[in-house]
Amino acid sequence: MIKRSIIVAFVCMLIFALVGCGSSTEKTTSKEQKKKITVVTNPSFAPFEYMDKGEIVGFDIDLLKAVMDEAGLEYELKGIGWDPLFAAIQGKTADMAVSGITINDDRKQTYDFSIPYFESTHMILVKEGSSIKSAKDLQGKVVGVQNGTTGQEAVEKILGKENKNIKKFEDTVVAIMDLLNGGVEAVVTDNAVANEYIKNNPDAKIVAFEDPEHFETEFYGFMFPKGSELKQKVDEALKKVIENGTYAEIYKKWFGIEPNIESLQQQQ
């Protein structure tokens, strides 16, 4: 009887041990599934991302939420600035970045990108009455750009990379303030940003124009560390958001017009 009792007790202990291990595994799996994705941005690029009453808002932010909801992913958004977000993605201290980031071959060498989600080009901002009417007219003028952007690259192609007349700023808002104060004679930035500023500041006496001959069309994408497994999930979710009409709703909310869905899908 004693031996039988010992055997029964041993079997029970073994069963409890196995059940306990299973429970631990399930908890671990659950924790892994609930791991938040760290997303970084530069919240000074209206209307894509900017601060409003202490909260980061904008077109990119609404689209990010729609995509992450579609993918079933939890995330935490952090505003850290333009240069720092590239360092965070390259150093893998963040999982993903969204900040009106242009996809180009140079950046592709260091980062991975989602399929495109926005078509853009550059515009030149000047004061009313300025003699600058095209990109060629920027020769000999002091031009403001946001440092480390494709706007800077576009101006460097026209004026030369080491040209001292290219004045670099931490963000576009500061560059435009310098234009108003006479520190620069023009600012080159993305069309949506230029139009948003003019719309919100009608008394600033600033005008903007495009120059398709010198400024090529660009596309924005979500940015990831090289080799990120997150890219595929985000791509799939972004495609669905574009196809099911959610993207168009967000686009019209922020820009007041219908997006060119066909152009985006051609880039996919």
C-alpha atoms as a PDB file:
ATOM      1  CA  MET A   1       0.000   0.000   0.000  1.00  0.00           C
ATOM      2  CA  ILE A   2       2.845   2.355   0.892  1.00  0.00           C
ATOM      3  CA  LYS A   3       4.594   1.778  -2.416  1.00  0.00           C
ATOM      4  CA  ARG A   4       1.342   2.354  -4.300  1.00  0.00           C
ATOM      5  CA  SER A   5       0.762   5.627  -2.454  1.00  0.00           C
ATOM      6  CA  ILE A   6       4.265   6.769  -3.314  1.00  0.00           C
ATOM      7  CA  ILE A   7       3.718   5.979  -7.011  1.00  0.00           C
ATOM      8  CA  VAL A   8       0.367   7.840  -7.065  1.00  0.00           C
ATOM      9  CA  ALA A   9       1.940  10.846  -5.358  1.00  0.00           C
ATOM     10  CA  PHE A  10       4.822  10.846  -7.833  1.00  0.00           C
ATOM     11  CA  VAL A  11       2.447  10.727 -10.813  1.00  0.00           C
ATOM     12  CA  CYS A  12       0.399  13.603  -9.401  1.00  0.00           C
ATOM     13  CA  MET A  13       3.534  15.670  -8.888  1.00  0.00           C
ATOM     14  CA  LEU A  14       4.576  14.971 -12.473  1.00  0.00           C
ATOM     15  CA  ILE A  15       1.163  16.035 -13.814  1.00  0.00           C
ATOM     16  CA  PHE A  16       1.222  19.267 -11.796  1.00  0.00           C
ATOM     17  CA  ALA A  17       4.736  19.979 -13.047  1.00  0.00           C
ATOM     18  CA  LEU A  18       3.669  19.493 -16.673  1.00  0.00           C
ATOM     19  CA  VAL A  19       0.582  21.674 -16.231  1.00  0.00           C
ATOM     20  CA  GLY A  20       2.726  24.332 -14.613  1.00  0.00           C
ATOM     21  CA  CYS A  21       5.172  24.297 -17.528  1.00  0.00           C
ATOM     22  CA  GLY A  22       2.316  24.614 -20.008  1.00  0.00           C
ATOM     23  CA  SER A  23       0.898  27.561 -18.129  1.00  0.00           C
ATOM     24  CA  SER A  24       4.290  29.268 -18.069  1.00  0.00           C
ATOM     25  CA  THR A  25       4.721  28.777 -21.827  1.00  0.00           C
ATOM     26  CA  GLU A  26       1.273  30.210 -22.520  1.00  0.00           C
ATOM     27  CA  LYS A  27       2.051  33.265 -20.387  1.00  0.00           C
ATOM     28  CA  THR A  28       5.355  33.797 -22.187  1.00  0.00           C
ATOM     29  CA  THR A  29       3.674  33.503 -25.588  1.00  0.00           C
ATOM     30  CA  SER A  30       0.976  35.933 -24.473  1.00  0.00           C
ATOM     31  CA  LYS A  31       3.611  38.438 -23.367  1.00  0.00           C
ATOM     32  CA  GLU A  32       5.436  38.138 -26.679  1.00  0.00           C
ATOM     33  CA  GLN A  33       2.214  38.743 -28.606  1.00  0.00           C
ATOM     34  CA  LYS A  34       1.484  41.865 -26.559  1.00  0.00           C
ATOM     35  CA  LYS A  35       4.959  43.360 -27.021  1.00  0.00           C
ATOM     36  CA  LYS A  36       4.520  46.958 -28.148  1.00  0.00           C
ATOM     37  CA  ILE A  37       6.140  48.164 -31.340  1.00  0.00           C
ATOM     38  CA  THR A  38       8.219  51.305 -30.758  1.00  0.00           C
ATOM     39  CA  VAL A  39       7.503  53.883 -33.472  1.00  0.00           C
ATOM     40  CA  VAL A  40       9.512  57.122 -33.669  1.00  0.00           C
ATOM     41  CA  THR A  41       8.731  60.378 -35.434  1.00  0.00           C
ATOM     42  CA  ASN A  42       9.710  64.043 -35.759  1.00  0.00           C
ATOM     43  CA  PRO A  43       6.576  65.953 -34.698  1.00  0.00           C
ATOM     44  CA  SER A  44       7.346  69.213 -36.496  1.00  0.00           C
ATOM     45  CA  PHE A  45       6.291  68.400 -40.044  1.00  0.00           C
ATOM     46  CA  ALA A  46       2.678  69.517 -40.326  1.00  0.00           C
ATOM     47  CA  PRO A  47       0.323  68.226 -41.595  1.00  0.00           C
ATOM     48  CA  PHE A  48       2.044  64.839 -41.394  1.00  0.00           C
ATOM     49  CA  GLU A  49       3.017  64.970 -37.720  1.00  0.00           C
ATOM     50  CA  TYR A  50       2.989  67.870 -35.278  1.00  0.00           C
ATOM     51  CA  MET A  51       2.138  68.702 -31.676  1.00  0.00           C
ATOM     52  CA  ASP A  52      -1.382  69.802 -30.778  1.00  0.00           C
ATOM     53  CA  LYS A  53      -2.231  70.352 -27.108  1.00  0.00           C
ATOM     54  CA  GLY A  54       0.568  68.046 -26.028  1.00  0.00           C
ATOM     55  CA  GLU A  55      -0.396  65.253 -28.411  1.00  0.00           C
ATOM     56  CA  ILE A  56       1.248  64.142 -31.670  1.00  0.00           C
ATOM     57  CA  VAL A  57      -1.317  64.368 -34.486  1.00  0.00           C
ATOM     58  CA  GLY A  58      -1.327  64.447 -38.283  1.00  0.00           C
ATOM     59  CA  PHE A  59      -1.902  62.483 -41.472  1.00  0.00           C
ATOM     60  CA  ASP A  60       0.951  60.070 -40.765  1.00  0.00           C
ATOM     61  CA  ILE A  61      -0.328  59.470 -37.247  1.00  0.00           C
ATOM     62  CA  ASP A  62      -3.881  58.635 -38.371  1.00  0.00           C
ATOM     63  CA  LEU A  63      -2.542  56.352 -41.105  1.00  0.00           C
ATOM     64  CA  LEU A  64      -0.170  54.660 -38.657  1.00  0.00           C
ATOM     65  CA  LYS A  65      -3.066  53.864 -36.325  1.00  0.00           C
ATOM     66  CA  ALA A  66      -5.169  52.442 -39.169  1.00  0.00           C
ATOM     67  CA  VAL A  67      -2.299  50.251 -40.386  1.00  0.00           C
ATOM     68  CA  MET A  68      -1.346  48.981 -36.942  1.00  0.00           C
ATOM     69  CA  ASP A  69      -5.007  48.225 -36.116  1.00  0.00           C
ATOM     70  CA  GLU A  70      -5.309  46.304 -39.376  1.00  0.00           C
ATOM     71  CA  ALA A  71      -2.119  44.362 -38.556  1.00  0.00           C
ATOM     72  CA  GLY A  72      -3.275  43.689 -34.990  1.00  0.00           C
ATOM     73  CA  LEU A  73      -0.150  45.284 -33.524  1.00  0.00           C
ATOM     74  CA  GLU A  74       0.166  47.373 -30.369  1.00  0.00           C
ATOM     75  CA  TYR A  75       2.572  50.295 -30.584  1.00  0.00           C
ATOM     76  CA  GLU A  76       4.022  53.215 -28.687  1.00  0.00           C
ATOM     77  CA  LEU A  77       4.703  56.476 -30.552  1.00  0.00           C
ATOM     78  CA  LYS A  78       7.655  58.649 -29.531  1.00  0.00           C
ATOM     79  CA  GLY A  79       8.592  62.091 -30.850  1.00  0.00           C
ATOM     80  CA  ILE A  80      12.394  62.241 -30.923  1.00  0.00           C
ATOM     81  CA  GLY A  81      13.393  64.546 -33.806  1.00  0.00           C
ATOM     82  CA  TRP A  82      14.554  64.040 -37.390  1.00  0.00           C
ATOM     83  CA  ASP A  83      18.215  63.016 -37.091  1.00  0.00           C
ATOM     84  CA  PRO A  84      17.639  60.948 -33.926  1.00  0.00           C
ATOM     85  CA  LEU A  85      14.935  58.834 -35.595  1.00  0.00           C
ATOM     86  CA  PHE A  86      17.402  57.638 -38.250  1.00  0.00           C
ATOM     87  CA  ALA A  87      19.917  56.781 -35.527  1.00  0.00           C
ATOM     88  CA  ALA A  88      17.239  54.926 -33.551  1.00  0.00           C
ATOM     89  CA  ILE A  89      16.225  52.781 -36.525  1.00  0.00           C
ATOM     90  CA  GLN A  90      19.795  52.059 -37.574  1.00  0.00           C
ATOM     91  CA  GLY A  91      20.739  51.195 -33.985  1.00  0.00           C
ATOM     92  CA  LYS A  92      17.547  49.118 -33.584  1.00  0.00           C
ATOM     93  CA  THR A  93      16.450  50.970 -30.449  1.00  0.00           C
ATOM     94  CA  ALA A  94      13.170  51.591 -32.310  1.00  0.00           C
ATOM     95  CA  ASP A  95      11.198  49.215 -34.518  1.00  0.00           C
ATOM     96  CA  MET A  96       9.716  51.626 -37.024  1.00  0.00           C
ATOM     97  CA  ALA A  97       9.703  55.294 -38.070  1.00  0.00           C
ATOM     98  CA  VAL A  98       7.081  57.481 -39.716  1.00  0.00           C
ATOM     99  CA  SER A  99       7.803  61.111 -40.500  1.00  0.00           C
ATOM    100  CA  GLY A 100       7.226  61.935 -44.161  1.00  0.00           C
ATOM    101  CA  ILE A 101      10.353  59.915 -44.965  1.00  0.00           C
ATOM    102  CA  THR A 102      11.174  59.772 -48.669  1.00  0.00           C
ATOM    103  CA  ILE A 103      12.145  56.371 -50.059  1.00  0.00           C
ATOM    104  CA  ASN A 104      15.337  56.596 -52.116  1.00  0.00           C
ATOM    105  CA  ASP A 105      18.193  54.334 -53.174  1.00  0.00           C
ATOM    106  CA  ASP A 106      20.683  55.920 -50.795  1.00  0.00           C
ATOM    107  CA  ARG A 107      18.520  55.275 -47.730  1.00  0.00           C
ATOM    108  CA  LYS A 108      17.669  51.768 -48.906  1.00  0.00           C
ATOM    109  CA  GLN A 109      21.291  50.799 -48.348  1.00  0.00           C
ATOM    110  CA  THR A 110      20.863  51.330 -44.607  1.00  0.00           C
ATOM    111  CA  TYR A 111      17.130  50.920 -43.955  1.00  0.00           C
ATOM    112  CA  ASP A 112      14.130  48.914 -45.135  1.00  0.00           C
ATOM    113  CA  PHE A 113      10.959  50.671 -46.282  1.00  0.00           C
ATOM    114  CA  SER A 114       7.309  49.769 -46.606  1.00  0.00           C
ATOM    115  CA  ILE A 115       5.468  50.085 -49.882  1.00  0.00           C
ATOM    116  CA  PRO A 116       4.849  53.808 -50.637  1.00  0.00           C
ATOM    117  CA  TYR A 117       1.931  55.533 -48.926  1.00  0.00           C
ATOM    118  CA  PHE A 118       2.257  59.144 -50.159  1.00  0.00           C
ATOM    119  CA  GLU A 119       3.303  60.882 -53.379  1.00  0.00           C
ATOM    120  CA  SER A 120       5.146  64.176 -52.981  1.00  0.00           C
ATOM    121  CA  THR A 121       7.303  66.780 -54.713  1.00  0.00           C
ATOM    122  CA  HIS A 122       9.187  69.870 -53.558  1.00  0.00           C
ATOM    123  CA  MET A 123       8.028  73.472 -53.573  1.00  0.00           C
ATOM    124  CA  ILE A 124       9.852  76.770 -53.225  1.00  0.00           C
ATOM    125  CA  LEU A 125       8.554  79.167 -50.579  1.00  0.00           C
ATOM    126  CA  VAL A 126       9.326  82.868 -51.017  1.00  0.00           C
ATOM    127  CA  LYS A 127       7.968  86.219 -49.846  1.00  0.00           C
ATOM    128  CA  GLU A 128       5.404  87.941 -52.034  1.00  0.00           C
ATOM    129  CA  GLY A 129       7.122  90.069 -54.695  1.00  0.00           C
ATOM    130  CA  SER A 130      10.280  87.933 -54.729  1.00  0.00           C
ATOM    131  CA  SER A 131      12.273  87.775 -57.971  1.00  0.00           C
ATOM    132  CA  ILE A 132      12.593  83.998 -57.522  1.00  0.00           C
ATOM    133  CA  LYS A 133      10.208  82.311 -59.952  1.00  0.00           C
ATOM    134  CA  SER A 134      11.940  78.968 -60.582  1.00  0.00           C
ATOM    135  CA  ALA A 135      14.608  76.676 -59.165  1.00  0.00           C
ATOM    136  CA  LYS A 136      17.192  78.275 -61.489  1.00  0.00           C
ATOM    137  CA  ASP A 137      16.557  81.595 -59.764  1.00  0.00           C
ATOM    138  CA  LEU A 138      17.933  80.132 -56.524  1.00  0.00           C
ATOM    139  CA  GLN A 139      21.446  80.652 -57.904  1.00  0.00           C
ATOM    140  CA  GLY A 140      23.190  83.304 -55.820  1.00  0.00           C
ATOM    141  CA  LYS A 141      20.396  83.304 -53.206  1.00  0.00           C
ATOM    142  CA  VAL A 142      20.453  82.120 -49.590  1.00  0.00           C
ATOM    143  CA  VAL A 143      18.156  79.088 -49.415  1.00  0.00           C
ATOM    144  CA  GLY A 144      16.822  77.402 -46.283  1.00  0.00           C
ATOM    145  CA  VAL A 145      16.342  73.624 -46.042  1.00  0.00           C
ATOM    146  CA  GLN A 146      15.705  71.075 -43.335  1.00  0.00           C
ATOM    147  CA  ASN A 147      18.973  69.297 -42.653  1.00  0.00           C
ATOM    148  CA  GLY A 148      19.266  65.702 -43.836  1.00  0.00           C
ATOM    149  CA  THR A 149      16.217  65.812 -46.109  1.00  0.00           C
ATOM    150  CA  THR A 150      15.703  65.240 -49.808  1.00  0.00           C
ATOM    151  CA  GLY A 151      14.832  68.942 -49.995  1.00  0.00           C
ATOM    152  CA  GLN A 152      18.422  69.654 -49.048  1.00  0.00           C
ATOM    153  CA  GLU A 153      19.611  67.206 -51.710  1.00  0.00           C
ATOM    154  CA  ALA A 154      17.407  68.869 -54.338  1.00  0.00           C
ATOM    155  CA  VAL A 155      18.880  72.291 -53.579  1.00  0.00           C
ATOM    156  CA  GLU A 156      22.418  70.881 -53.545  1.00  0.00           C
ATOM    157  CA  LYS A 157      21.890  69.571 -57.088  1.00  0.00           C
ATOM    158  CA  ILE A 158      21.104  73.108 -58.196  1.00  0.00           C
ATOM    159  CA  LEU A 159      23.571  75.160 -56.123  1.00  0.00           C
ATOM    160  CA  GLY A 160      26.306  72.619 -55.393  1.00  0.00           C
ATOM    161  CA  LYS A 161      26.799  70.427 -52.346  1.00  0.00           C
ATOM    162  CA  GLU A 162      29.236  72.680 -50.472  1.00  0.00           C
ATOM    163  CA  ASN A 163      27.529  75.951 -51.375  1.00  0.00           C
ATOM    164  CA  LYS A 164      27.619  78.306 -48.380  1.00  0.00           C
ATOM    165  CA  ASN A 165      24.294  79.830 -49.439  1.00  0.00           C
ATOM    166  CA  ILE A 166      22.494  76.642 -48.382  1.00  0.00           C
ATOM    167  CA  LYS A 167      21.348  77.276 -44.821  1.00  0.00           C
ATOM    168  CA  LYS A 168      20.406  74.118 -42.910  1.00  0.00           C
ATOM    169  CA  PHE A 169      17.821  73.999 -40.137  1.00  0.00           C
ATOM    170  CA  GLU A 170      16.678  71.425 -37.625  1.00  0.00           C
ATOM    171  CA  ASP A 171      13.160  71.530 -39.036  1.00  0.00           C
ATOM    172  CA  THR A 172      11.141  73.285 -41.745  1.00  0.00           C
ATOM    173  CA  VAL A 173       9.186  75.520 -39.349  1.00  0.00           C
ATOM    174  CA  VAL A 174      12.417  77.186 -38.193  1.00  0.00           C
ATOM    175  CA  ALA A 175      13.511  77.604 -41.829  1.00  0.00           C
ATOM    176  CA  ILE A 176      10.236  79.371 -42.682  1.00  0.00           C
ATOM    177  CA  MET A 177      10.588  81.634 -39.633  1.00  0.00           C
ATOM    178  CA  ASP A 178      14.029  82.627 -40.931  1.00  0.00           C
ATOM    179  CA  LEU A 179      12.466  83.400 -44.322  1.00  0.00           C
ATOM    180  CA  LEU A 180       9.972  85.709 -42.620  1.00  0.00           C
ATOM    181  CA  ASN A 181      12.812  87.396 -40.715  1.00  0.00           C
ATOM    182  CA  GLY A 182      14.910  87.878 -43.846  1.00  0.00           C
ATOM    183  CA  GLY A 183      17.615  85.362 -42.938  1.00  0.00           C
ATOM    184  CA  VAL A 184      17.020  83.373 -46.128  1.00  0.00           C
ATOM    185  CA  GLU A 185      15.467  84.349 -49.455  1.00  0.00           C
ATOM    186  CA  ALA A 186      13.705  81.028 -50.114  1.00  0.00           C
ATOM    187  CA  VAL A 187      12.859  77.715 -48.445  1.00  0.00           C
ATOM    188  CA  VAL A 188      12.566  74.406 -50.265  1.00  0.00           C
ATOM    189  CA  THR A 189      10.312  71.813 -48.666  1.00  0.00           C
ATOM    190  CA  ASP A 190       7.668  69.213 -49.526  1.00  0.00           C
ATOM    191  CA  ASN A 191       4.527  70.436 -51.307  1.00  0.00           C
ATOM    192  CA  ALA A 192       2.044  69.332 -48.637  1.00  0.00           C
ATOM    193  CA  VAL A 193       4.044  71.094 -45.916  1.00  0.00           C
ATOM    194  CA  ALA A 194       4.348  74.291 -47.980  1.00  0.00           C
ATOM    195  CA  ASN A 195       0.633  74.355 -48.801  1.00  0.00           C
ATOM    196  CA  GLU A 196      -0.309  73.644 -45.186  1.00  0.00           C
ATOM    197  CA  TYR A 197       1.758  76.573 -43.953  1.00  0.00           C
ATOM    198  CA  ILE A 198       0.246  78.988 -46.469  1.00  0.00           C
ATOM    199  CA  LYS A 199      -3.276  77.779 -45.650  1.00  0.00           C
ATOM    200  CA  ASN A 200      -2.756  78.292 -41.904  1.00  0.00           C
ATOM    201  CA  ASN A 201      -0.864  81.586 -42.226  1.00  0.00           C
ATOM    202  CA  PRO A 202      -2.690  83.706 -44.835  1.00  0.00           C
ATOM    203  CA  ASP A 203      -1.280  86.956 -43.419  1.00  0.00           C
ATOM    204  CA  ALA A 204       2.364  85.863 -43.689  1.00  0.00           C
ATOM    205  CA  LYS A 205       2.560  87.038 -47.328  1.00  0.00           C
ATOM    206  CA  ILE A 206       4.375  83.881 -48.379  1.00  0.00           C
ATOM    207  CA  VAL A 207       3.823  82.167 -51.753  1.00  0.00           C
ATOM    208  CA  ALA A 208       4.884  78.727 -52.980  1.00  0.00           C
ATOM    209  CA  PHE A 209       5.360  77.185 -56.399  1.00  0.00           C
ATOM    210  CA  GLU A 210       6.511  73.917 -57.944  1.00  0.00           C
ATOM    211  CA  ASP A 211       9.221  73.353 -60.550  1.00  0.00           C
ATOM    212  CA  PRO A 212       8.702  69.902 -62.150  1.00  0.00           C
ATOM    213  CA  GLU A 213      11.744  70.440 -64.364  1.00  0.00           C
ATOM    214  CA  HIS A 214      14.087  70.424 -61.368  1.00  0.00           C
ATOM    215  CA  PHE A 215      12.124  68.646 -58.620  1.00  0.00           C
ATOM    216  CA  GLU A 216      11.220  64.990 -59.157  1.00  0.00           C
ATOM    217  CA  THR A 217       8.232  63.156 -57.709  1.00  0.00           C
ATOM    218  CA  GLU A 218       8.988  61.296 -54.468  1.00  0.00           C
ATOM    219  CA  PHE A 219       7.211  58.723 -52.337  1.00  0.00           C
ATOM    220  CA  TYR A 220       7.055  58.388 -48.547  1.00  0.00           C
ATOM    221  CA  GLY A 221       7.228  55.080 -46.703  1.00  0.00           C
ATOM    222  CA  PHE A 222       7.389  53.657 -43.181  1.00  0.00           C
ATOM    223  CA  MET A 223      11.037  52.967 -42.293  1.00  0.00           C
ATOM    224  CA  PHE A 224      12.463  49.899 -40.504  1.00  0.00           C
ATOM    225  CA  PRO A 225      15.842  48.523 -39.455  1.00  0.00           C
ATOM    226  CA  LYS A 226      17.497  46.480 -42.182  1.00  0.00           C
ATOM    227  CA  GLY A 227      16.089  42.945 -42.263  1.00  0.00           C
ATOM    228  CA  SER A 228      13.071  43.763 -40.074  1.00  0.00           C
ATOM    229  CA  GLU A 229      10.352  41.085 -39.948  1.00  0.00           C
ATOM    230  CA  LEU A 230       7.837  43.840 -39.228  1.00  0.00           C
ATOM    231  CA  LYS A 231       7.997  45.155 -42.805  1.00  0.00           C
ATOM    232  CA  GLN A 232       5.923  42.318 -44.297  1.00  0.00           C
ATOM    233  CA  LYS A 233       3.133  42.678 -41.719  1.00  0.00           C
ATOM    234  CA  VAL A 234       2.979  46.435 -42.240  1.00  0.00           C
ATOM    235  CA  ASP A 235       3.016  46.089 -46.043  1.00  0.00           C
ATOM    236  CA  GLU A 236       0.091  43.658 -45.963  1.00  0.00           C
ATOM    237  CA  ALA A 237      -1.901  45.887 -43.616  1.00  0.00           C
ATOM    238  CA  LEU A 238      -1.105  49.049 -45.609  1.00  0.00           C
ATOM    239  CA  LYS A 239      -2.298  47.400 -48.839  1.00  0.00           C
ATOM    240  CA  LYS A 240      -5.615  46.520 -47.166  1.00  0.00           C
ATOM    241  CA  VAL A 241      -6.037  50.024 -45.741  1.00  0.00           C
ATOM    242  CA  ILE A 242      -5.469  51.489 -49.220  1.00  0.00           C
ATOM    243  CA  GLU A 243      -7.836  48.984 -50.886  1.00  0.00           C
ATOM    244  CA  ASN A 244     -10.714  49.188 -48.383  1.00  0.00           C
ATOM    245  CA  GLY A 245     -11.094  52.979 -48.571  1.00  0.00           C
ATOM    246  CA  THR A 246      -9.670  53.831 -45.136  1.00  0.00           C
ATOM    247  CA  TYR A 247      -6.619  55.501 -46.678  1.00  0.00           C
ATOM    248  CA  ALA A 248      -8.794  57.740 -48.884  1.00  0.00           C
ATOM    249  CA  GLU A 249     -10.849  58.828 -45.838  1.00  0.00           C
ATOM    250  CA  ILE A 250      -7.718  59.818 -43.920  1.00  0.00           C
ATOM    251  CA  TYR A 251      -6.241  61.559 -46.965  1.00  0.00           C
ATOM    252  CA  LYS A 252      -9.387  63.631 -47.580  1.00  0.00           C
ATOM    253  CA  LYS A 253      -9.553  64.544 -43.883  1.00  0.00           C
ATOM    254  CA  TRP A 254      -6.089  66.124 -43.998  1.00  0.00           C
ATOM    255  CA  PHE A 255      -5.773  67.365 -47.589  1.00  0.00           C
ATOM    256  CA  GLY A 256      -9.368  67.905 -48.700  1.00  0.00           C
ATOM    257  CA  ILE A 257      -8.939  66.045 -52.012  1.00  0.00           C
ATOM    258  CA  GLU A 258      -9.013  62.487 -53.318  1.00  0.00           C
ATOM    259  CA  PRO A 259      -5.669  60.644 -53.323  1.00  0.00           C
ATOM    260  CA  ASN A 260      -4.131  59.173 -56.472  1.00  0.00           C
ATOM    261  CA  ILE A 261      -4.536  55.534 -55.449  1.00  0.00           C
ATOM    262  CA  GLU A 262      -3.510  54.272 -58.879  1.00  0.00           C
ATOM    263  CA  SER A 263      -0.144  56.004 -58.653  1.00  0.00           C
ATOM    264  CA  LEU A 264       0.544  54.427 -55.254  1.00  0.00           C
ATOM    265  CA  GLN A 265      -0.455  50.968 -56.420  1.00  0.00           C
ATOM    266  CA  GLN A 266       1.800  51.255 -59.456  1.00  0.00           C
ATOM    267  CA  GLN A 267       4.718  51.786 -57.081  1.00  0.00           C
ATOM    268  CA  GLN A 268       3.855  48.624 -55.153  1.00  0.00           C
END
